[in-house]
């Protein structure tokens, strides 16, 4: 028992010593184990091993995430968006909704404006939608109304004129020469598509020949290259009213010259001749 008391005394003295260099090393567990081993031969000391978990995997993940964010920041400037972490997605939805609403309001405005125009027959909502889908501008129809021509048209006529590229200026010229009342929209499309110029139409109007022929006759004359001067010569001898457009084309195509027509006119022979006779006489002459 004496050695045990001396050991306690030594420990007590060491605890009162404040010098860290002289602090004792406690071997209580070891001593207790030795004591137990001495008193109990069958005693087996239990040892505990605490494994420290390695932080290598965690550190690798953190470093990897940092590298990815740095990469997107450098090349994109928006790493959170690239990672799908944007927080203002609600604003994007709002913009899309406003766009759809704007398109809907645009058609409603278009529908209201078209319903105020004077067609030959008021178009239904589906017919107005056809105008809208074909891209017919409201201004195009308003100009037709100013020319008092919209009331002559159905919605299909308006679509046809616009789809074939007939400009308002071309229709305005037809209005100036009072030809709009003489031709339908398909005739206007035919004239424009065939390249009949405004000057040619104006020249025919001066000869009062527009009322004498159809739009197909005008297209035929223009396409055959019959010049205005040729018809002016026929009109000079009052032969323009006596011959059809096909007769004029026939004479011109067969080479009957203006000089020959003048000679027949001076001889007062034109009034008694058909255009086929004129052609035959020219060829025999």
C-alpha atoms as a PDB file:
ATOM      1  CA  UNK A   1       0.000   0.000   0.000  1.00  0.00           C
ATOM      2  CA  UNK A   2       2.908   2.397   0.648  1.00  0.00           C
ATOM      3  CA  UNK A   3       4.026   2.539  -2.956  1.00  0.00           C
ATOM      4  CA  UNK A   4       0.437   3.339  -3.996  1.00  0.00           C
ATOM      5  CA  UNK A   5       0.221   6.265  -1.578  1.00  0.00           C
ATOM      6  CA  UNK A   6       3.571   7.574  -2.682  1.00  0.00           C
ATOM      7  CA  UNK A   7       2.371   7.502  -6.299  1.00  0.00           C
ATOM      8  CA  UNK A   8      -0.719   9.566  -5.435  1.00  0.00           C
ATOM      9  CA  UNK A   9       1.397  12.031  -3.565  1.00  0.00           C
ATOM     10  CA  UNK A  10       3.688  12.438  -6.532  1.00  0.00           C
ATOM     11  CA  UNK A  11       0.700  13.065  -8.833  1.00  0.00           C
ATOM     12  CA  UNK A  12      -0.699  15.678  -6.467  1.00  0.00           C
ATOM     13  CA  UNK A  13       2.621  17.469  -6.346  1.00  0.00           C
ATOM     14  CA  UNK A  14       2.900  17.384 -10.123  1.00  0.00           C
ATOM     15  CA  UNK A  15      -0.585  18.878 -10.567  1.00  0.00           C
ATOM     16  CA  UNK A  16       0.444  21.866  -8.470  1.00  0.00           C
ATOM     17  CA  UNK A  17       3.407  22.428 -10.735  1.00  0.00           C
ATOM     18  CA  UNK A  18       2.538  25.071 -13.378  1.00  0.00           C
ATOM     19  CA  UNK A  19       5.585  24.435 -15.498  1.00  0.00           C
ATOM     20  CA  UNK A  20       4.309  22.812 -18.713  1.00  0.00           C
ATOM     21  CA  UNK A  21       7.702  21.242 -19.250  1.00  0.00           C
ATOM     22  CA  UNK A  22       7.379  19.423 -15.977  1.00  0.00           C
ATOM     23  CA  UNK A  23       3.751  18.251 -16.380  1.00  0.00           C
ATOM     24  CA  UNK A  24       3.482  14.529 -15.830  1.00  0.00           C
ATOM     25  CA  UNK A  25       2.530  12.001 -18.417  1.00  0.00           C
ATOM     26  CA  UNK A  26      -0.483  10.085 -17.224  1.00  0.00           C
ATOM     27  CA  UNK A  27      -0.302   6.379 -17.759  1.00  0.00           C
ATOM     28  CA  UNK A  28      -3.366   5.530 -15.705  1.00  0.00           C
ATOM     29  CA  UNK A  29      -4.864   3.252 -18.307  1.00  0.00           C
ATOM     30  CA  UNK A  30      -1.605   1.432 -18.755  1.00  0.00           C
ATOM     31  CA  UNK A  31      -1.080   1.126 -14.988  1.00  0.00           C
ATOM     32  CA  UNK A  32      -4.670   0.057 -14.492  1.00  0.00           C
ATOM     33  CA  UNK A  33      -4.224  -2.530 -17.170  1.00  0.00           C
ATOM     34  CA  UNK A  34      -1.033  -3.801 -15.592  1.00  0.00           C
ATOM     35  CA  UNK A  35      -2.747  -3.892 -12.236  1.00  0.00           C
ATOM     36  CA  UNK A  36      -5.682  -5.824 -13.642  1.00  0.00           C
ATOM     37  CA  UNK A  37      -3.334  -8.179 -15.390  1.00  0.00           C
ATOM     38  CA  UNK A  38      -1.474  -8.817 -12.154  1.00  0.00           C
ATOM     39  CA  UNK A  39      -4.609  -9.461 -10.153  1.00  0.00           C
ATOM     40  CA  UNK A  40      -6.468 -11.340 -12.911  1.00  0.00           C
ATOM     41  CA  UNK A  41      -4.366 -13.569 -15.145  1.00  0.00           C
ATOM     42  CA  UNK A  42      -7.304 -14.033 -17.593  1.00  0.00           C
ATOM     43  CA  UNK A  43      -7.763 -10.314 -18.173  1.00  0.00           C
ATOM     44  CA  UNK A  44      -7.300  -9.186 -21.782  1.00  0.00           C
ATOM     45  CA  UNK A  45      -6.820  -5.517 -22.432  1.00  0.00           C
ATOM     46  CA  UNK A  46      -9.169  -3.975 -25.000  1.00  0.00           C
ATOM     47  CA  UNK A  47      -7.610  -1.575 -27.451  1.00  0.00           C
ATOM     48  CA  UNK A  48      -9.615   0.928 -29.478  1.00  0.00           C
ATOM     49  CA  UNK A  49      -8.482   2.210 -32.855  1.00  0.00           C
ATOM     50  CA  UNK A  50     -10.152   5.402 -34.134  1.00  0.00           C
ATOM     51  CA  UNK A  51      -9.725   5.759 -37.848  1.00  0.00           C
ATOM     52  CA  UNK A  52      -9.597   9.270 -39.091  1.00  0.00           C
ATOM     53  CA  UNK A  53     -11.688   9.628 -42.268  1.00  0.00           C
ATOM     54  CA  UNK A  54      -9.733  10.936 -45.164  1.00  0.00           C
ATOM     55  CA  UNK A  55     -10.827  14.345 -46.517  1.00  0.00           C
ATOM     56  CA  UNK A  56      -9.222  13.743 -49.903  1.00  0.00           C
ATOM     57  CA  UNK A  57     -12.530  12.881 -51.676  1.00  0.00           C
ATOM     58  CA  UNK A  58     -14.358  15.859 -50.195  1.00  0.00           C
ATOM     59  CA  UNK A  59     -11.543  18.225 -51.079  1.00  0.00           C
ATOM     60  CA  UNK A  60     -11.498  16.896 -54.655  1.00  0.00           C
ATOM     61  CA  UNK A  61     -15.241  17.556 -55.070  1.00  0.00           C
ATOM     62  CA  UNK A  62     -14.942  21.106 -53.743  1.00  0.00           C
ATOM     63  CA  UNK A  63     -12.001  21.848 -56.010  1.00  0.00           C
ATOM     64  CA  UNK A  64     -13.864  20.366 -59.008  1.00  0.00           C
ATOM     65  CA  UNK A  65     -16.950  22.538 -58.414  1.00  0.00           C
ATOM     66  CA  UNK A  66     -14.761  25.598 -58.069  1.00  0.00           C
ATOM     67  CA  UNK A  67     -13.038  24.832 -61.386  1.00  0.00           C
ATOM     68  CA  UNK A  68     -16.404  24.354 -63.179  1.00  0.00           C
ATOM     69  CA  UNK A  69     -17.806  27.647 -61.855  1.00  0.00           C
ATOM     70  CA  UNK A  70     -14.616  29.454 -62.828  1.00  0.00           C
ATOM     71  CA  UNK A  71     -14.807  27.969 -66.349  1.00  0.00           C
ATOM     72  CA  UNK A  72     -18.411  29.080 -66.936  1.00  0.00           C
ATOM     73  CA  UNK A  73     -17.728  32.480 -65.417  1.00  0.00           C
ATOM     74  CA  UNK A  74     -14.822  33.054 -67.796  1.00  0.00           C
ATOM     75  CA  UNK A  75     -16.502  31.852 -70.997  1.00  0.00           C
ATOM     76  CA  UNK A  76     -20.146  32.604 -70.272  1.00  0.00           C
ATOM     77  CA  UNK A  77     -20.274  35.212 -67.559  1.00  0.00           C
ATOM     78  CA  UNK A  78     -23.468  33.623 -66.193  1.00  0.00           C
ATOM     79  CA  UNK A  79     -22.475  30.525 -64.261  1.00  0.00           C
ATOM     80  CA  UNK A  80     -25.687  30.316 -62.294  1.00  0.00           C
ATOM     81  CA  UNK A  81     -27.759  30.299 -65.478  1.00  0.00           C
ATOM     82  CA  UNK A  82     -25.489  27.678 -67.016  1.00  0.00           C
ATOM     83  CA  UNK A  83     -26.034  25.468 -63.972  1.00  0.00           C
ATOM     84  CA  UNK A  84     -29.809  25.993 -64.142  1.00  0.00           C
ATOM     85  CA  UNK A  85     -29.854  28.076 -60.956  1.00  0.00           C
ATOM     86  CA  UNK A  86     -31.294  31.299 -62.356  1.00  0.00           C
ATOM     87  CA  UNK A  87     -33.704  32.894 -59.960  1.00  0.00           C
ATOM     88  CA  UNK A  88     -35.669  35.210 -62.279  1.00  0.00           C
ATOM     89  CA  UNK A  89     -37.383  32.592 -64.472  1.00  0.00           C
ATOM     90  CA  UNK A  90     -40.706  34.138 -63.613  1.00  0.00           C
ATOM     91  CA  UNK A  91     -39.744  37.287 -65.522  1.00  0.00           C
ATOM     92  CA  UNK A  92     -39.047  35.249 -68.672  1.00  0.00           C
ATOM     93  CA  UNK A  93     -42.506  33.711 -68.500  1.00  0.00           C
ATOM     94  CA  UNK A  94     -43.989  37.164 -68.125  1.00  0.00           C
ATOM     95  CA  UNK A  95     -42.291  38.408 -71.303  1.00  0.00           C
ATOM     96  CA  UNK A  96     -43.624  35.466 -73.313  1.00  0.00           C
ATOM     97  CA  UNK A  97     -47.115  36.059 -72.014  1.00  0.00           C
ATOM     98  CA  UNK A  98     -46.945  39.718 -72.968  1.00  0.00           C
ATOM     99  CA  UNK A  99     -45.832  38.756 -76.483  1.00  0.00           C
ATOM    100  CA  UNK A 100     -48.797  36.417 -76.938  1.00  0.00           C
ATOM    101  CA  UNK A 101     -51.155  39.019 -75.582  1.00  0.00           C
ATOM    102  CA  UNK A 102     -49.751  41.631 -77.956  1.00  0.00           C
ATOM    103  CA  UNK A 103     -50.341  39.368 -80.953  1.00  0.00           C
ATOM    104  CA  UNK A 104     -53.927  38.780 -79.837  1.00  0.00           C
ATOM    105  CA  UNK A 105     -54.573  42.498 -79.406  1.00  0.00           C
ATOM    106  CA  UNK A 106     -53.062  43.185 -82.838  1.00  0.00           C
ATOM    107  CA  UNK A 107     -55.638  40.941 -84.508  1.00  0.00           C
ATOM    108  CA  UNK A 108     -58.462  42.464 -82.479  1.00  0.00           C
ATOM    109  CA  UNK A 109     -57.384  45.933 -83.596  1.00  0.00           C
ATOM    110  CA  UNK A 110     -57.124  44.672 -87.181  1.00  0.00           C
ATOM    111  CA  UNK A 111     -60.590  43.122 -86.958  1.00  0.00           C
ATOM    112  CA  UNK A 112     -62.136  46.314 -85.601  1.00  0.00           C
ATOM    113  CA  UNK A 113     -60.511  48.469 -88.290  1.00  0.00           C
ATOM    114  CA  UNK A 114     -61.533  46.162 -91.161  1.00  0.00           C
ATOM    115  CA  UNK A 115     -65.129  46.109 -89.957  1.00  0.00           C
ATOM    116  CA  UNK A 116     -65.221  49.887 -90.381  1.00  0.00           C
ATOM    117  CA  UNK A 117     -64.317  49.655 -94.084  1.00  0.00           C
ATOM    118  CA  UNK A 118     -66.883  49.467 -96.870  1.00  0.00           C
ATOM    119  CA  UNK A 119     -66.560  46.228 -98.809  1.00  0.00           C
ATOM    120  CA  UNK A 120     -69.044  45.075-101.417  1.00  0.00           C
ATOM    121  CA  UNK A 121     -70.060  42.648 -98.709  1.00  0.00           C
ATOM    122  CA  UNK A 122     -68.995  42.888 -95.096  1.00  0.00           C
ATOM    123  CA  UNK A 123     -66.490  40.102 -94.431  1.00  0.00           C
ATOM    124  CA  UNK A 124     -67.036  37.628 -91.632  1.00  0.00           C
ATOM    125  CA  UNK A 125     -64.524  37.119 -88.837  1.00  0.00           C
ATOM    126  CA  UNK A 126     -63.065  34.099 -90.641  1.00  0.00           C
ATOM    127  CA  UNK A 127     -62.704  36.149 -93.813  1.00  0.00           C
ATOM    128  CA  UNK A 128     -60.985  38.937 -91.909  1.00  0.00           C
ATOM    129  CA  UNK A 129     -58.694  36.308 -90.446  1.00  0.00           C
ATOM    130  CA  UNK A 130     -57.867  35.232 -94.027  1.00  0.00           C
ATOM    131  CA  UNK A 131     -56.921  38.836 -94.839  1.00  0.00           C
ATOM    132  CA  UNK A 132     -54.777  38.951 -91.702  1.00  0.00           C
ATOM    133  CA  UNK A 133     -53.060  35.634 -92.371  1.00  0.00           C
ATOM    134  CA  UNK A 134     -52.261  36.699 -95.955  1.00  0.00           C
ATOM    135  CA  UNK A 135     -50.581  39.803 -94.608  1.00  0.00           C
ATOM    136  CA  UNK A 136     -52.861  42.354 -96.293  1.00  0.00           C
ATOM    137  CA  UNK A 137     -52.001  45.678 -94.615  1.00  0.00           C
ATOM    138  CA  UNK A 138     -54.816  47.774 -93.271  1.00  0.00           C
ATOM    139  CA  UNK A 139     -53.379  50.767 -95.159  1.00  0.00           C
ATOM    140  CA  UNK A 140     -53.735  48.879 -98.460  1.00  0.00           C
ATOM    141  CA  UNK A 141     -57.474  48.459 -97.926  1.00  0.00           C
ATOM    142  CA  UNK A 142     -57.865  52.032 -96.727  1.00  0.00           C
ATOM    143  CA  UNK A 143     -56.285  53.296 -99.963  1.00  0.00           C
ATOM    144  CA  UNK A 144     -58.659  51.129-101.991  1.00  0.00           C
ATOM    145  CA  UNK A 145     -61.539  52.662-100.076  1.00  0.00           C
ATOM    146  CA  UNK A 146     -60.304  56.195-100.860  1.00  0.00           C
ATOM    147  CA  UNK A 147     -60.381  55.225-104.540  1.00  0.00           C
ATOM    148  CA  UNK A 148     -63.996  54.074-104.092  1.00  0.00           C
ATOM    149  CA  UNK A 149     -62.874  50.675-105.338  1.00  0.00           C
ATOM    150  CA  UNK A 150     -63.085  48.661-102.138  1.00  0.00           C
ATOM    151  CA  UNK A 151     -66.860  48.655-102.390  1.00  0.00           C
ATOM    152  CA  UNK A 152     -66.448  46.824-105.705  1.00  0.00           C
ATOM    153  CA  UNK A 153     -64.352  44.084-104.139  1.00  0.00           C
ATOM    154  CA  UNK A 154     -64.822  41.046-101.970  1.00  0.00           C
ATOM    155  CA  UNK A 155     -62.181  39.968 -99.481  1.00  0.00           C
ATOM    156  CA  UNK A 156     -60.853  37.438-102.036  1.00  0.00           C
ATOM    157  CA  UNK A 157     -60.353  40.256-104.541  1.00  0.00           C
ATOM    158  CA  UNK A 158     -58.329  42.244-102.019  1.00  0.00           C
ATOM    159  CA  UNK A 159     -56.183  39.216-101.213  1.00  0.00           C
ATOM    160  CA  UNK A 160     -55.684  38.558-104.941  1.00  0.00           C
ATOM    161  CA  UNK A 161     -54.538  42.108-105.683  1.00  0.00           C
ATOM    162  CA  UNK A 162     -52.120  42.205-102.770  1.00  0.00           C
ATOM    163  CA  UNK A 163     -50.797  38.671-103.255  1.00  0.00           C
ATOM    164  CA  UNK A 164     -49.980  39.448-106.916  1.00  0.00           C
ATOM    165  CA  UNK A 165     -48.076  42.548-105.913  1.00  0.00           C
ATOM    166  CA  UNK A 166     -50.373  45.102-107.551  1.00  0.00           C
ATOM    167  CA  UNK A 167     -49.305  48.436-106.028  1.00  0.00           C
ATOM    168  CA  UNK A 168     -51.779  51.093-105.017  1.00  0.00           C
ATOM    169  CA  UNK A 169     -50.149  53.504-107.509  1.00  0.00           C
ATOM    170  CA  UNK A 170     -51.097  51.214-110.406  1.00  0.00           C
ATOM    171  CA  UNK A 171     -54.705  51.113-109.254  1.00  0.00           C
ATOM    172  CA  UNK A 172     -54.670  54.870-108.724  1.00  0.00           C
ATOM    173  CA  UNK A 173     -53.670  55.352-112.367  1.00  0.00           C
ATOM    174  CA  UNK A 174     -56.571  53.163-113.476  1.00  0.00           C
ATOM    175  CA  UNK A 175     -58.801  55.375-111.383  1.00  0.00           C
ATOM    176  CA  UNK A 176     -57.442  58.555-113.021  1.00  0.00           C
ATOM    177  CA  UNK A 177     -58.299  57.249-116.490  1.00  0.00           C
ATOM    178  CA  UNK A 178     -61.737  56.085-115.327  1.00  0.00           C
ATOM    179  CA  UNK A 179     -60.978  52.458-116.033  1.00  0.00           C
ATOM    180  CA  UNK A 180     -61.653  51.003-112.602  1.00  0.00           C
ATOM    181  CA  UNK A 181     -65.350  50.822-113.358  1.00  0.00           C
ATOM    182  CA  UNK A 182     -64.618  48.887-116.555  1.00  0.00           C
ATOM    183  CA  UNK A 183     -62.379  46.162-115.177  1.00  0.00           C
ATOM    184  CA  UNK A 184     -62.613  43.667-112.334  1.00  0.00           C
ATOM    185  CA  UNK A 185     -59.820  42.754-109.949  1.00  0.00           C
ATOM    186  CA  UNK A 186     -58.742  39.743-112.041  1.00  0.00           C
ATOM    187  CA  UNK A 187     -58.378  42.074-115.039  1.00  0.00           C
ATOM    188  CA  UNK A 188     -56.184  44.423-113.011  1.00  0.00           C
ATOM    189  CA  UNK A 189     -54.041  41.491-111.921  1.00  0.00           C
ATOM    190  CA  UNK A 190     -53.770  40.382-115.566  1.00  0.00           C
ATOM    191  CA  UNK A 191     -52.750  43.847-116.776  1.00  0.00           C
ATOM    192  CA  UNK A 192     -50.136  44.260-114.073  1.00  0.00           C
ATOM    193  CA  UNK A 193     -48.775  40.713-114.350  1.00  0.00           C
ATOM    194  CA  UNK A 194     -48.436  41.137-118.137  1.00  0.00           C
ATOM    195  CA  UNK A 195     -46.402  44.271-117.636  1.00  0.00           C
ATOM    196  CA  UNK A 196     -48.857  46.667-119.271  1.00  0.00           C
ATOM    197  CA  UNK A 197     -47.395  50.020-118.338  1.00  0.00           C
ATOM    198  CA  UNK A 198     -49.315  52.968-116.985  1.00  0.00           C
ATOM    199  CA  UNK A 199     -48.172  55.067-119.941  1.00  0.00           C
ATOM    200  CA  UNK A 200     -49.601  52.529-122.387  1.00  0.00           C
ATOM    201  CA  UNK A 201     -52.931  52.555-120.595  1.00  0.00           C
ATOM    202  CA  UNK A 202     -52.934  56.339-120.487  1.00  0.00           C
ATOM    203  CA  UNK A 203     -52.235  56.462-124.239  1.00  0.00           C
ATOM    204  CA  UNK A 204     -55.119  54.107-125.003  1.00  0.00           C
ATOM    205  CA  UNK A 205     -57.353  56.261-122.865  1.00  0.00           C
ATOM    206  CA  UNK A 206     -56.464  59.347-124.907  1.00  0.00           C
ATOM    207  CA  UNK A 207     -57.547  57.430-127.990  1.00  0.00           C
ATOM    208  CA  UNK A 208     -60.831  56.523-126.257  1.00  0.00           C
ATOM    209  CA  UNK A 209     -59.971  52.921-126.962  1.00  0.00           C
ATOM    210  CA  UNK A 210     -60.277  51.538-123.435  1.00  0.00           C
ATOM    211  CA  UNK A 211     -64.042  51.492-123.778  1.00  0.00           C
ATOM    212  CA  UNK A 212     -63.765  49.639-127.088  1.00  0.00           C
ATOM    213  CA  UNK A 213     -61.843  46.651-125.859  1.00  0.00           C
ATOM    214  CA  UNK A 214     -61.473  44.343-122.899  1.00  0.00           C
ATOM    215  CA  UNK A 215     -58.494  44.022-120.605  1.00  0.00           C
ATOM    216  CA  UNK A 216     -57.526  40.850-122.475  1.00  0.00           C
ATOM    217  CA  UNK A 217     -57.462  42.906-125.706  1.00  0.00           C
ATOM    218  CA  UNK A 218     -55.170  45.458-124.061  1.00  0.00           C
ATOM    219  CA  UNK A 219     -52.881  42.676-122.867  1.00  0.00           C
ATOM    220  CA  UNK A 220     -52.856  41.223-126.391  1.00  0.00           C
ATOM    221  CA  UNK A 221     -51.930  44.550-128.000  1.00  0.00           C
ATOM    222  CA  UNK A 222     -49.189  45.246-125.469  1.00  0.00           C
ATOM    223  CA  UNK A 223     -47.779  41.719-125.547  1.00  0.00           C
ATOM    224  CA  UNK A 224     -47.698  41.795-129.377  1.00  0.00           C
ATOM    225  CA  UNK A 225     -45.688  44.981-129.284  1.00  0.00           C
ATOM    226  CA  UNK A 226     -48.244  47.157-131.050  1.00  0.00           C
ATOM    227  CA  UNK A 227     -47.056  50.731-130.383  1.00  0.00           C
ATOM    228  CA  UNK A 228     -49.364  53.565-129.509  1.00  0.00           C
ATOM    229  CA  UNK A 229     -48.283  55.429-132.631  1.00  0.00           C
ATOM    230  CA  UNK A 230     -49.661  52.589-134.799  1.00  0.00           C
ATOM    231  CA  UNK A 231     -53.087  52.933-133.236  1.00  0.00           C
ATOM    232  CA  UNK A 232     -52.886  56.704-133.455  1.00  0.00           C
ATOM    233  CA  UNK A 233     -52.472  56.350-137.218  1.00  0.00           C
ATOM    234  CA  UNK A 234     -55.522  54.077-137.389  1.00  0.00           C
ATOM    235  CA  UNK A 235     -57.468  56.580-135.315  1.00  0.00           C
ATOM    236  CA  UNK A 236     -56.372  59.430-137.587  1.00  0.00           C
ATOM    237  CA  UNK A 237     -58.348  57.858-140.458  1.00  0.00           C
ATOM    238  CA  UNK A 238     -61.245  56.727-138.247  1.00  0.00           C
ATOM    239  CA  UNK A 239     -60.284  53.101-138.723  1.00  0.00           C
ATOM    240  CA  UNK A 240     -59.627  52.336-135.045  1.00  0.00           C
ATOM    241  CA  UNK A 241     -63.341  52.051-134.350  1.00  0.00           C
ATOM    242  CA  UNK A 242     -63.805  49.777-137.370  1.00  0.00           C
ATOM    243  CA  UNK A 243     -61.328  47.100-136.395  1.00  0.00           C
ATOM    244  CA  UNK A 244     -61.021  44.818-133.410  1.00  0.00           C
ATOM    245  CA  UNK A 245     -57.893  44.463-131.341  1.00  0.00           C
ATOM    246  CA  UNK A 246     -57.198  41.113-133.008  1.00  0.00           C
ATOM    247  CA  UNK A 247     -57.395  42.860-136.422  1.00  0.00           C
ATOM    248  CA  UNK A 248     -54.878  45.483-135.256  1.00  0.00           C
ATOM    249  CA  UNK A 249     -52.558  42.755-134.013  1.00  0.00           C
ATOM    250  CA  UNK A 250     -52.974  40.904-137.339  1.00  0.00           C
ATOM    251  CA  UNK A 251     -52.055  43.929-139.455  1.00  0.00           C
ATOM    252  CA  UNK A 252     -49.078  44.821-137.294  1.00  0.00           C
ATOM    253  CA  UNK A 253     -47.828  41.243-137.098  1.00  0.00           C
ATOM    254  CA  UNK A 254     -48.035  40.940-140.920  1.00  0.00           C
ATOM    255  CA  UNK A 255     -45.920  44.006-141.412  1.00  0.00           C
ATOM    256  CA  UNK A 256     -48.560  46.466-142.580  1.00  0.00           C
ATOM    257  CA  UNK A 257     -46.786  49.777-142.114  1.00  0.00           C
ATOM    258  CA  UNK A 258     -48.176  53.077-140.934  1.00  0.00           C
ATOM    259  CA  UNK A 259     -47.237  54.639-144.278  1.00  0.00           C
ATOM    260  CA  UNK A 260     -49.357  52.057-146.137  1.00  0.00           C
ATOM    261  CA  UNK A 261     -52.298  52.777-143.834  1.00  0.00           C
ATOM    262  CA  UNK A 262     -51.926  56.519-144.486  1.00  0.00           C
ATOM    263  CA  UNK A 263     -51.877  55.905-148.233  1.00  0.00           C
ATOM    264  CA  UNK A 264     -55.075  53.864-148.030  1.00  0.00           C
ATOM    265  CA  UNK A 265     -56.611  56.600-145.918  1.00  0.00           C
ATOM    266  CA  UNK A 266     -55.711  59.361-148.374  1.00  0.00           C
ATOM    267  CA  UNK A 267     -57.324  57.263-151.122  1.00  0.00           C
ATOM    268  CA  UNK A 268     -60.478  56.805-148.984  1.00  0.00           C
ATOM    269  CA  UNK A 269     -60.115  53.054-149.233  1.00  0.00           C
ATOM    270  CA  UNK A 270     -59.981  52.098-145.552  1.00  0.00           C
ATOM    271  CA  UNK A 271     -63.690  52.554-144.887  1.00  0.00           C
ATOM    272  CA  UNK A 272     -64.515  49.833-147.390  1.00  0.00           C
ATOM    273  CA  UNK A 273     -61.860  47.321-146.330  1.00  0.00           C
ATOM    274  CA  UNK A 274     -61.594  44.735-143.608  1.00  0.00           C
ATOM    275  CA  UNK A 275     -58.319  44.224-141.835  1.00  0.00           C
ATOM    276  CA  UNK A 276     -57.748  40.959-143.738  1.00  0.00           C
ATOM    277  CA  UNK A 277     -58.151  42.836-147.025  1.00  0.00           C
ATOM    278  CA  UNK A 278     -55.677  45.426-145.846  1.00  0.00           C
ATOM    279  CA  UNK A 279     -53.195  42.670-145.070  1.00  0.00           C
ATOM    280  CA  UNK A 280     -53.756  41.027-148.470  1.00  0.00           C
ATOM    281  CA  UNK A 281     -53.390  44.301-150.373  1.00  0.00           C
ATOM    282  CA  UNK A 282     -50.197  45.110-148.503  1.00  0.00           C
ATOM    283  CA  UNK A 283     -48.732  41.716-149.321  1.00  0.00           C
ATOM    284  CA  UNK A 284     -49.742  42.037-153.008  1.00  0.00           C
ATOM    285  CA  UNK A 285     -48.397  45.552-153.243  1.00  0.00           C
END
